[in-house]
Amino acid sequence: MNILILGGNRFFGKKLAKLLVEDNHQVTLLNRGKTDDNLGDKVSRIKCDRNNFEEMQTKLGETTWDIVFDQICYTYIHAQQATQLFNGKAKKYIHTSTVSVYDYGADIKEEYFQPKTHQFSVTATDHTKEYKQAKRQAETAFSRYANFPTTFVRIPVVIGSDDYTKRFEFHLKRIKDNNPIYFPNIKARKSFITSDDAAKALYFLGKSEFTGAINVASPKPLSLQRLVEIIEKKYNKKATLAQQEQGDSHSPYGIENDWFINTDLLHSLGLKLCDIEKWLIDFS
């Protein structure tokens, strides 16, 4: 198949590209070209800035795609422009969304957020400050304007040694170096997924007939307290837990209440991902 990945040169996007190449698909990566994907001549590349619609339009031309994987769609404008670019040119579109479309809650199912009926008065343009609203609105734009089948893959915190955000490393280093960590609620349970499984799930959904919203995560949530305990055992050190936020001590995983998703739909399609607790225990 002829497959385009918007992004695809780091973290689980790069792992997705590798899986597709190994399955003998014709893969093209579209990104700014600032990070080496290490795939050599196994993929084609389009060097382009997602924020430059005219450049995207010119460089994509009239090419048609069996699947478009969109790893870097963060706003309503991005999504609306994608429909202009790919309507009539994509047979399937897989948008990497996020559990941030949901408010806090336990065992959250896909129907808890419905992009087709989502209403808003102000369009979020800065996803770094308005991430939740921006990603909700991106799903809404696809629902309104896409004439191609779209899958919204709602992924939680992605964890792995290759995490360029350094959120996982933050906890490893703080505990190893005896620096304080602040959790608003250390007993809160949260969904996680490994970078390998995130890529595996996207690859699986590319081959699936499924369309619509789907939660993709480790089968069971993990409490932040359990996360800390596993790292403590790894380094044979006790974490220094701050009672209030001090400087840069706030955990990037810190939440006030449970926030984890139900993955029954994913399991019904035949994919079960690894247990995040077991992965953390085995991680070295």
Protein backbone atom coordinates (compact mmCIF):
# COMPACT_ATOMS: atom_id res chain seq x y z
CA MET A 1 0.00 0.00 0.00
CA ASN A 2 0.98 3.61 -0.53
CA ILE A 3 1.13 5.14 2.95
CA LEU A 4 1.82 8.67 4.15
CA ILE A 5 2.84 9.54 7.70
CA LEU A 6 2.58 13.16 8.76
CA GLY A 7 5.43 13.24 11.26
CA GLY A 8 6.99 9.81 11.53
CA ASN A 9 10.56 10.76 12.36
CA ARG A 10 10.59 10.39 16.15
CA PHE A 11 9.18 8.42 19.09
CA PHE A 12 6.36 6.02 18.24
CA GLY A 13 5.81 7.61 14.82
CA LYS A 14 9.25 6.41 13.80
CA LYS A 15 8.46 2.95 15.18
CA LEU A 16 5.23 2.92 13.17
CA ALA A 17 7.17 3.77 10.01
CA LYS A 18 9.58 0.91 10.69
CA LEU A 19 6.71 -1.58 11.12
CA LEU A 20 5.17 -0.48 7.83
CA VAL A 21 8.49 -0.72 6.00
CA GLU A 22 9.04 -4.23 7.38
CA ASP A 23 5.60 -5.14 6.03
CA ASN A 24 6.76 -4.04 2.56
CA HIS A 25 4.55 -0.98 2.23
CA GLN A 26 5.57 2.09 0.26
CA VAL A 27 6.04 4.68 3.01
CA THR A 28 6.43 8.44 2.71
CA LEU A 29 7.20 10.69 5.68
CA LEU A 30 6.15 14.33 5.66
CA ASN A 31 7.82 16.56 8.23
CA ARG A 32 10.24 19.46 8.55
CA GLY A 33 13.22 17.15 8.23
CA LYS A 34 14.92 18.38 11.39
CA THR A 35 15.20 14.93 13.02
CA ASP A 36 16.86 11.94 11.37
CA ASP A 37 14.40 9.06 11.07
CA ASN A 38 17.28 6.55 10.57
CA LEU A 39 15.33 4.74 7.84
CA GLY A 40 17.67 5.64 4.99
CA ASP A 41 16.36 4.81 1.52
CA LYS A 42 13.62 2.55 2.93
CA VAL A 43 11.19 5.49 2.91
CA SER A 44 10.45 8.49 0.73
CA ARG A 45 10.38 11.96 2.28
CA ILE A 46 8.55 15.22 1.76
CA LYS A 47 10.20 18.09 3.59
CA CYS A 48 7.43 20.45 4.57
CA ASP A 49 6.09 22.52 7.45
CA ARG A 50 2.61 21.42 8.56
CA ASN A 51 1.77 25.03 9.35
CA ASN A 52 2.34 26.13 5.75
CA PHE A 53 -0.84 25.09 3.93
CA GLU A 54 0.23 26.33 0.50
CA GLU A 55 3.52 24.42 0.72
CA MET A 56 1.66 21.28 1.80
CA GLN A 57 -0.76 21.64 -1.10
CA THR A 58 2.05 22.07 -3.63
CA LYS A 59 4.24 19.24 -2.39
CA LEU A 60 1.43 16.71 -1.95
CA GLY A 61 -0.03 17.48 -5.35
CA GLU A 62 -2.59 14.99 -6.65
CA THR A 63 -1.05 11.88 -5.09
CA THR A 64 -3.55 9.44 -3.62
CA TRP A 65 -2.90 7.40 -0.48
CA ASP A 66 -4.25 4.11 0.83
CA ILE A 67 -3.67 5.30 4.40
CA VAL A 68 -2.66 8.61 5.92
CA PHE A 69 -1.37 8.44 9.50
CA ASP A 70 -1.50 11.89 11.07
CA GLN A 71 0.84 12.14 14.05
CA ILE A 72 1.06 15.93 14.19
CA CYS A 73 -2.48 17.30 14.00
CA TYR A 74 -3.00 19.52 17.04
CA THR A 75 -5.69 22.04 16.15
CA TYR A 76 -9.01 22.60 14.39
CA ILE A 77 -7.19 24.48 11.65
CA HIS A 78 -4.74 21.61 11.06
CA ALA A 79 -7.63 19.15 10.78
CA GLN A 80 -9.77 21.37 8.55
CA GLN A 81 -6.82 21.93 6.22
CA ALA A 82 -6.12 18.19 6.17
CA THR A 83 -9.62 17.55 4.87
CA GLN A 84 -9.00 20.05 2.08
CA LEU A 85 -5.72 18.32 1.23
CA PHE A 86 -6.92 14.72 1.40
CA ASN A 87 -10.62 14.66 0.51
CA GLY A 88 -10.76 12.42 -2.55
CA LYS A 89 -7.10 11.47 -2.09
CA ALA A 90 -7.10 9.29 1.06
CA LYS A 91 -8.86 5.94 1.38
CA LYS A 92 -8.36 5.90 5.16
CA TYR A 93 -7.17 8.48 7.67
CA ILE A 94 -5.83 7.65 11.12
CA HIS A 95 -5.56 10.63 13.46
CA THR A 96 -3.44 10.24 16.58
CA SER A 97 -5.66 11.86 19.17
CA THR A 98 -5.41 11.78 22.97
CA VAL A 99 -7.18 10.88 26.20
CA SER A 100 -7.02 14.62 26.90
CA VAL A 101 -10.30 14.93 25.00
CA TYR A 102 -11.81 13.47 28.20
CA ASP A 103 -12.19 15.11 31.58
CA TYR A 104 -10.92 13.27 34.65
CA GLY A 105 -12.69 9.99 35.34
CA ALA A 106 -12.35 6.25 35.81
CA ASP A 107 -12.89 3.60 33.12
CA ILE A 108 -13.76 6.23 30.51
CA LYS A 109 -15.41 4.87 27.36
CA GLU A 110 -15.22 6.28 23.86
CA GLU A 111 -18.76 7.67 23.88
CA TYR A 112 -17.90 10.05 26.71
CA PHE A 113 -16.66 12.51 24.07
CA GLN A 114 -18.58 12.86 20.82
CA PRO A 115 -16.75 15.06 18.28
CA LYS A 116 -19.76 15.28 15.96
CA THR A 117 -21.83 17.09 18.57
CA HIS A 118 -19.04 19.03 20.27
CA GLN A 119 -19.79 22.74 20.30
CA PHE A 120 -17.35 25.58 20.97
CA SER A 121 -17.32 29.33 20.54
CA VAL A 122 -13.58 30.03 20.44
CA THR A 123 -11.18 28.17 18.18
CA ALA A 124 -8.05 27.04 20.04
CA THR A 125 -4.94 27.94 18.08
CA ASP A 126 -2.13 27.38 20.59
CA HIS A 127 -2.16 23.69 21.46
CA THR A 128 0.63 24.11 24.04
CA LYS A 129 -1.67 26.23 26.20
CA GLU A 130 -5.06 24.86 25.14
CA TYR A 131 -4.18 21.24 24.43
CA LYS A 132 -7.45 19.65 25.56
CA GLN A 133 -9.66 22.05 23.62
CA ALA A 134 -7.38 22.02 20.57
CA LYS A 135 -7.44 18.23 20.28
CA ARG A 136 -11.20 18.08 20.85
CA GLN A 137 -11.67 20.61 18.10
CA ALA A 138 -9.36 18.70 15.74
CA GLU A 139 -11.59 15.63 16.04
CA THR A 140 -14.63 17.84 15.48
CA ALA A 141 -13.17 19.32 12.29
CA PHE A 142 -12.52 15.86 10.83
CA SER A 143 -16.07 14.83 11.78
CA ARG A 144 -17.50 17.88 10.01
CA TYR A 145 -15.44 18.05 6.84
CA ALA A 146 -13.75 14.72 6.01
CA ASN A 147 -15.16 12.60 3.21
CA PHE A 148 -12.67 9.85 3.99
CA PRO A 149 -13.09 7.20 6.75
CA THR A 150 -11.38 8.53 9.88
CA THR A 151 -10.15 6.78 13.00
CA PHE A 152 -9.49 8.79 16.16
CA VAL A 153 -6.88 6.92 18.19
CA ARG A 154 -7.12 8.23 21.74
CA ILE A 155 -3.74 7.53 23.33
CA PRO A 156 -2.67 8.32 26.93
CA VAL A 157 0.80 9.13 28.25
CA VAL A 158 3.33 7.29 26.10
CA ILE A 159 6.22 5.89 28.06
CA GLY A 160 9.60 4.63 26.88
CA SER A 161 13.33 5.21 26.93
CA ASP A 162 12.93 7.00 23.59
CA ASP A 163 10.49 9.58 25.01
CA TYR A 164 11.77 12.90 23.66
CA THR A 165 9.54 14.81 26.12
CA LYS A 166 11.67 13.40 28.99
CA ARG A 167 8.56 12.96 31.19
CA PHE A 168 9.45 9.38 32.09
CA GLU A 169 13.11 10.27 32.56
CA PHE A 170 12.05 13.06 34.95
CA HIS A 171 10.87 10.47 37.49
CA LEU A 172 13.87 8.21 37.03
CA LYS A 173 16.33 11.06 37.54
CA ARG A 174 14.51 12.73 40.45
CA ILE A 175 14.36 9.52 42.44
CA LYS A 176 17.88 8.42 41.52
CA ASP A 177 19.31 11.82 42.47
CA ASN A 178 17.23 12.26 45.65
CA ASN A 179 15.44 15.32 44.31
CA PRO A 180 11.87 16.05 45.46
CA ILE A 181 8.81 15.20 43.36
CA TYR A 182 5.39 16.73 43.89
CA PHE A 183 2.22 14.80 43.05
CA PRO A 184 -1.16 16.53 43.58
CA ASN A 185 -2.59 13.06 44.29
CA ILE A 186 -0.11 10.21 44.33
CA LYS A 187 -2.93 7.66 44.67
CA ALA A 188 -4.53 8.75 41.41
CA ARG A 189 -4.67 6.07 38.73
CA LYS A 190 -3.70 6.88 35.17
CA SER A 191 -3.57 5.20 31.75
CA PHE A 192 -0.23 4.62 30.08
CA ILE A 193 1.05 2.95 26.92
CA THR A 194 4.55 2.04 25.77
CA SER A 195 5.96 3.60 22.61
CA ASP A 196 6.25 0.11 21.09
CA ASP A 197 2.58 -0.59 21.76
CA ALA A 198 1.47 2.82 20.48
CA ALA A 199 3.15 2.03 17.16
CA LYS A 200 1.80 -1.52 17.19
CA ALA A 201 -1.77 -0.30 17.75
CA LEU A 202 -1.59 2.29 14.96
CA TYR A 203 -0.21 -0.36 12.61
CA PHE A 204 -3.02 -2.75 13.64
CA LEU A 205 -5.73 -0.13 13.14
CA GLY A 206 -4.30 0.68 9.71
CA LYS A 207 -5.09 -2.88 8.65
CA SER A 208 -8.45 -2.96 10.45
CA GLU A 209 -11.82 -2.02 8.94
CA PHE A 210 -12.64 -0.10 12.10
CA THR A 211 -13.37 3.62 11.92
CA GLY A 212 -14.41 6.13 14.59
CA ALA A 213 -13.02 6.79 18.06
CA ILE A 214 -11.07 4.14 19.93
CA ASN A 215 -9.18 4.12 23.24
CA VAL A 216 -5.69 2.62 23.00
CA ALA A 217 -3.76 1.93 26.23
CA SER A 218 -2.31 -0.70 28.51
CA PRO A 219 -5.19 -2.91 29.74
CA LYS A 220 -4.94 -1.70 33.33
CA PRO A 221 -4.23 1.76 34.74
CA LEU A 222 -1.34 2.39 37.09
CA SER A 223 -1.40 4.46 40.24
CA LEU A 224 1.31 7.08 40.49
CA GLN A 225 2.22 5.62 43.85
CA ARG A 226 2.90 2.25 42.21
CA LEU A 227 5.00 3.96 39.53
CA VAL A 228 7.14 5.51 42.26
CA GLU A 229 7.45 2.19 44.13
CA ILE A 230 8.73 0.42 41.02
CA ILE A 231 11.37 3.09 40.38
CA GLU A 232 12.35 3.08 44.08
CA LYS A 233 12.99 -0.65 43.89
CA LYS A 234 14.94 -0.25 40.66
CA TYR A 235 17.38 2.20 42.25
CA ASN A 236 17.08 0.93 45.83
CA LYS A 237 16.21 4.46 46.94
CA LYS A 238 13.21 6.11 48.55
CA ALA A 239 11.61 8.92 46.63
CA THR A 240 11.53 12.35 48.24
CA LEU A 241 7.89 13.36 47.99
CA ALA A 242 7.20 17.07 48.34
CA GLN A 243 4.06 18.14 50.20
CA GLN A 244 3.73 21.17 47.97
CA GLU A 245 5.13 22.25 44.64
CA GLN A 246 8.70 23.53 44.85
CA GLY A 247 10.43 24.91 41.78
CA ASP A 248 10.44 22.28 39.05
CA SER A 249 9.34 19.44 41.35
CA HIS A 250 5.83 18.99 39.89
CA SER A 251 5.52 15.58 38.25
CA PRO A 252 4.58 15.84 34.55
CA TYR A 253 2.33 12.85 35.25
CA GLY A 254 0.72 14.58 38.24
CA ILE A 255 -3.08 14.69 38.27
CA GLU A 256 -5.67 15.48 40.92
CA ASN A 257 -8.02 12.53 40.30
CA ASP A 258 -8.21 9.20 38.52
CA TRP A 259 -7.90 9.55 34.74
CA PHE A 260 -7.93 6.26 32.89
CA ILE A 261 -9.69 4.80 29.88
CA ASN A 262 -11.66 1.67 29.09
CA THR A 263 -10.04 -0.46 26.35
CA ASP A 264 -12.77 -3.08 25.83
CA LEU A 265 -13.38 -1.92 22.25
CA LEU A 266 -9.74 -2.39 21.32
CA HIS A 267 -9.73 -5.86 22.87
CA SER A 268 -12.90 -6.77 20.96
CA LEU A 269 -11.01 -6.08 17.73
CA GLY A 270 -8.38 -8.62 18.79
CA LEU A 271 -5.55 -6.46 20.11
CA LYS A 272 -4.39 -6.58 23.71
CA LEU A 273 -1.36 -4.56 24.68
CA CYS A 274 1.25 -5.18 27.34
CA ASP A 275 0.65 -4.61 31.04
CA ILE A 276 2.36 -1.32 31.87
CA GLU A 277 3.28 -2.43 35.40
CA LYS A 278 5.07 -5.51 34.07
CA TRP A 279 6.84 -3.39 31.46
CA LEU A 280 8.07 -0.98 34.12
CA ILE A 281 9.32 -3.80 36.34
CA ASP A 282 11.22 -5.35 33.41
CA PHE A 283 12.52 -2.01 32.13
CA SER A 284 16.25 -1.47 32.42
